N, C-alpha and C. Protein backbone atom coordinates (compact mmCIF):
# COMPACT_ATOMS: atom_id res chain seq x y z
N MET A 1 -13.52 -1.92 -3.57
CA MET A 1 -12.62 -0.96 -3.02
C MET A 1 -13.27 -0.18 -1.89
N ASN A 2 -14.55 -0.27 -1.69
CA ASN A 2 -15.23 0.50 -0.66
C ASN A 2 -14.78 0.13 0.74
N ASP A 3 -14.17 -1.04 0.91
CA ASP A 3 -13.74 -1.47 2.23
C ASP A 3 -12.35 -0.98 2.59
N TRP A 4 -11.72 -0.20 1.73
CA TRP A 4 -10.34 0.24 1.92
C TRP A 4 -10.23 1.75 1.76
N SER A 5 -9.32 2.36 2.52
CA SER A 5 -9.07 3.79 2.42
C SER A 5 -7.60 4.02 2.09
N TYR A 6 -7.35 4.98 1.23
CA TYR A 6 -5.98 5.34 0.88
C TYR A 6 -5.26 5.84 2.13
N LEU A 7 -4.04 5.36 2.36
CA LEU A 7 -3.23 5.80 3.49
C LEU A 7 -2.13 6.74 3.00
N THR A 8 -1.24 6.25 2.14
CA THR A 8 -0.12 7.07 1.68
C THR A 8 0.62 6.40 0.54
N THR A 9 1.51 7.17 -0.06
CA THR A 9 2.46 6.67 -1.05
C THR A 9 3.84 7.01 -0.53
N VAL A 10 4.73 6.04 -0.50
CA VAL A 10 6.08 6.26 0.04
C VAL A 10 7.12 5.56 -0.84
N ALA A 11 8.34 6.04 -0.73
CA ALA A 11 9.46 5.38 -1.38
C ALA A 11 9.83 4.13 -0.59
N ASP A 12 10.39 3.18 -1.27
CA ASP A 12 10.81 1.92 -0.64
C ASP A 12 11.69 2.21 0.57
N GLY A 13 11.29 1.71 1.73
CA GLY A 13 12.07 1.87 2.94
C GLY A 13 11.82 3.16 3.70
N GLU A 14 11.09 4.10 3.10
CA GLU A 14 10.76 5.35 3.80
C GLU A 14 9.91 5.01 5.02
N PRO A 15 10.18 5.62 6.17
CA PRO A 15 9.43 5.25 7.38
C PRO A 15 7.92 5.32 7.19
N LEU A 16 7.26 4.24 7.57
CA LEU A 16 5.81 4.19 7.53
C LEU A 16 5.33 3.27 8.64
N GLU A 17 4.52 3.81 9.52
CA GLU A 17 3.94 3.01 10.60
C GLU A 17 2.44 2.90 10.39
N ILE A 18 1.94 1.71 10.62
CA ILE A 18 0.50 1.46 10.65
C ILE A 18 0.23 0.88 12.04
N GLU A 19 -0.65 1.53 12.76
CA GLU A 19 -0.96 1.13 14.14
C GLU A 19 0.31 1.02 14.98
N GLY A 20 1.25 1.93 14.76
CA GLY A 20 2.48 1.98 15.54
C GLY A 20 3.55 0.98 15.15
N VAL A 21 3.36 0.26 14.04
CA VAL A 21 4.32 -0.75 13.61
C VAL A 21 4.93 -0.32 12.27
N ASN A 22 6.26 -0.31 12.19
CA ASN A 22 6.96 0.00 10.95
C ASN A 22 6.74 -1.16 9.98
N VAL A 23 6.06 -0.88 8.88
CA VAL A 23 5.71 -1.96 7.94
C VAL A 23 6.92 -2.59 7.28
N TRP A 24 8.04 -1.87 7.20
CA TRP A 24 9.22 -2.42 6.55
C TRP A 24 9.99 -3.38 7.45
N GLU A 25 9.74 -3.32 8.75
CA GLU A 25 10.47 -4.18 9.68
C GLU A 25 9.75 -5.49 9.98
N GLY A 26 8.46 -5.54 9.69
CA GLY A 26 7.70 -6.75 9.96
C GLY A 26 7.65 -7.66 8.75
N LYS A 27 7.39 -8.93 8.98
CA LYS A 27 7.22 -9.89 7.89
C LYS A 27 5.79 -9.78 7.37
N TRP A 28 5.65 -9.56 6.08
CA TRP A 28 4.33 -9.46 5.47
C TRP A 28 3.80 -10.85 5.18
N HIS A 29 2.55 -11.08 5.57
CA HIS A 29 1.86 -12.34 5.30
C HIS A 29 0.67 -12.05 4.40
N SER A 30 0.46 -12.87 3.42
CA SER A 30 -0.70 -12.72 2.55
C SER A 30 -1.96 -13.13 3.30
N THR A 31 -3.04 -12.40 3.08
CA THR A 31 -4.33 -12.80 3.66
C THR A 31 -4.97 -13.90 2.83
N GLY A 32 -4.50 -14.06 1.59
CA GLY A 32 -5.11 -15.01 0.68
C GLY A 32 -6.31 -14.44 -0.05
N ASP A 33 -6.65 -13.18 0.27
CA ASP A 33 -7.78 -12.53 -0.39
C ASP A 33 -7.40 -12.06 -1.79
N GLN A 34 -8.40 -11.82 -2.59
CA GLN A 34 -8.18 -11.28 -3.94
C GLN A 34 -7.58 -9.88 -3.82
N PRO A 35 -6.80 -9.47 -4.81
CA PRO A 35 -6.26 -8.11 -4.77
C PRO A 35 -7.38 -7.08 -4.89
N ILE A 36 -7.13 -5.90 -4.34
CA ILE A 36 -8.08 -4.81 -4.53
C ILE A 36 -7.55 -3.97 -5.69
N ILE A 37 -8.45 -3.38 -6.44
CA ILE A 37 -8.09 -2.55 -7.58
C ILE A 37 -8.29 -1.10 -7.17
N VAL A 38 -7.22 -0.31 -7.27
CA VAL A 38 -7.28 1.08 -6.83
C VAL A 38 -6.72 1.99 -7.92
N PRO A 39 -7.16 3.26 -7.93
CA PRO A 39 -6.58 4.22 -8.88
C PRO A 39 -5.22 4.68 -8.38
N HIS A 40 -4.34 5.00 -9.31
CA HIS A 40 -3.06 5.60 -8.95
C HIS A 40 -3.36 6.95 -8.30
N PRO A 41 -2.73 7.28 -7.16
CA PRO A 41 -3.04 8.53 -6.47
C PRO A 41 -2.84 9.79 -7.32
N ASN A 42 -1.86 9.79 -8.23
CA ASN A 42 -1.60 10.96 -9.05
C ASN A 42 -2.15 10.86 -10.46
N TYR A 43 -2.45 9.65 -10.90
CA TYR A 43 -2.95 9.42 -12.25
C TYR A 43 -4.17 8.51 -12.16
N PRO A 44 -5.33 9.07 -11.78
CA PRO A 44 -6.51 8.26 -11.48
C PRO A 44 -6.99 7.33 -12.60
N SER A 45 -6.60 7.61 -13.85
CA SER A 45 -7.02 6.71 -14.92
C SER A 45 -6.24 5.40 -14.90
N GLN A 46 -5.09 5.38 -14.23
CA GLN A 46 -4.31 4.14 -14.08
C GLN A 46 -4.87 3.33 -12.91
N ARG A 47 -4.96 2.04 -13.09
CA ARG A 47 -5.45 1.16 -12.03
C ARG A 47 -4.32 0.22 -11.61
N HIS A 48 -4.29 -0.11 -10.32
CA HIS A 48 -3.26 -0.99 -9.77
C HIS A 48 -3.90 -2.02 -8.86
N GLU A 49 -3.32 -3.21 -8.85
CA GLU A 49 -3.74 -4.27 -7.94
C GLU A 49 -2.88 -4.19 -6.68
N LEU A 50 -3.52 -4.10 -5.53
CA LEU A 50 -2.81 -4.12 -4.26
C LEU A 50 -3.23 -5.38 -3.52
N TYR A 51 -2.27 -6.04 -2.92
CA TYR A 51 -2.55 -7.31 -2.28
C TYR A 51 -2.72 -7.14 -0.77
N PRO A 52 -3.87 -7.56 -0.25
CA PRO A 52 -4.08 -7.49 1.19
C PRO A 52 -3.06 -8.36 1.93
N SER A 53 -2.45 -7.77 2.93
CA SER A 53 -1.42 -8.43 3.72
C SER A 53 -1.61 -8.07 5.18
N PHE A 54 -0.86 -8.76 6.03
CA PHE A 54 -0.88 -8.39 7.44
C PHE A 54 0.48 -8.64 8.06
N ILE A 55 0.73 -7.90 9.14
CA ILE A 55 1.89 -8.10 10.00
C ILE A 55 1.32 -8.51 11.34
N GLU A 56 1.87 -9.52 11.96
CA GLU A 56 1.40 -9.96 13.27
C GLU A 56 2.38 -9.50 14.34
N VAL A 57 1.85 -8.76 15.31
CA VAL A 57 2.66 -8.24 16.41
C VAL A 57 1.91 -8.50 17.71
N GLY A 58 2.53 -9.24 18.60
CA GLY A 58 1.90 -9.52 19.89
C GLY A 58 0.54 -10.18 19.77
N GLY A 59 0.37 -11.02 18.78
CA GLY A 59 -0.90 -11.72 18.58
C GLY A 59 -1.94 -10.89 17.86
N LYS A 60 -1.62 -9.65 17.51
CA LYS A 60 -2.54 -8.77 16.80
C LYS A 60 -2.14 -8.71 15.33
N LYS A 61 -3.14 -8.82 14.44
CA LYS A 61 -2.89 -8.73 13.01
C LYS A 61 -3.17 -7.30 12.55
N ILE A 62 -2.16 -6.70 11.92
CA ILE A 62 -2.30 -5.35 11.37
C ILE A 62 -2.48 -5.51 9.87
N LEU A 63 -3.67 -5.18 9.40
CA LEU A 63 -4.07 -5.41 8.02
C LEU A 63 -3.82 -4.18 7.16
N PHE A 64 -3.32 -4.41 5.95
CA PHE A 64 -3.11 -3.34 4.98
C PHE A 64 -3.06 -3.97 3.59
N ALA A 65 -3.15 -3.12 2.58
CA ALA A 65 -2.96 -3.56 1.20
C ALA A 65 -1.89 -2.67 0.60
N ALA A 66 -0.95 -3.28 -0.10
CA ALA A 66 0.17 -2.51 -0.64
C ALA A 66 0.53 -3.02 -2.02
N GLY A 67 1.11 -2.12 -2.79
CA GLY A 67 1.60 -2.49 -4.10
C GLY A 67 2.61 -1.47 -4.59
N GLU A 68 3.50 -1.93 -5.45
CA GLU A 68 4.53 -1.06 -5.99
C GLU A 68 3.98 -0.38 -7.25
N LEU A 69 3.78 0.95 -7.16
CA LEU A 69 3.22 1.70 -8.27
C LEU A 69 4.21 1.88 -9.40
N SER A 70 5.45 2.14 -9.04
CA SER A 70 6.55 2.24 -9.99
C SER A 70 7.79 1.81 -9.23
N ASN A 71 8.93 1.82 -9.87
CA ASN A 71 10.14 1.31 -9.25
C ASN A 71 10.38 1.96 -7.88
N CYS A 72 10.26 1.16 -6.82
CA CYS A 72 10.53 1.57 -5.44
C CYS A 72 9.56 2.62 -4.90
N VAL A 73 8.38 2.75 -5.49
CA VAL A 73 7.35 3.66 -4.99
C VAL A 73 6.12 2.82 -4.66
N TRP A 74 5.73 2.84 -3.39
CA TRP A 74 4.67 1.98 -2.87
C TRP A 74 3.44 2.78 -2.45
N CYS A 75 2.29 2.19 -2.66
CA CYS A 75 1.01 2.76 -2.26
C CYS A 75 0.42 1.85 -1.18
N PHE A 76 -0.12 2.45 -0.13
CA PHE A 76 -0.71 1.68 0.97
C PHE A 76 -2.15 2.09 1.22
N TYR A 77 -2.99 1.10 1.44
CA TYR A 77 -4.38 1.29 1.84
C TYR A 77 -4.58 0.51 3.14
N VAL A 78 -5.56 0.96 3.92
CA VAL A 78 -5.93 0.29 5.16
C VAL A 78 -7.44 0.07 5.15
N PRO A 79 -7.92 -0.88 5.94
CA PRO A 79 -9.37 -1.09 5.99
C PRO A 79 -10.09 0.20 6.39
N ALA A 80 -11.22 0.45 5.73
CA ALA A 80 -12.02 1.66 6.02
C ALA A 80 -12.76 1.52 7.33
């Protein structure tokens, strides 16, 4: 987990841009990497698997890890 930093927690579809790109509008591609294990932001004893993904825009890959913490609530991490 040392290679990733917590970005935010948002509701499904709530505006979120990473490097100027709305993550909900781009197609998510799996990196094929193993999931990262992170603590729940509000309940640190809970652990969640987030899957590294990327969105490609103009030949640039925007990397992030995301996972659904609970129904329609998403957590996002970005490379540190």
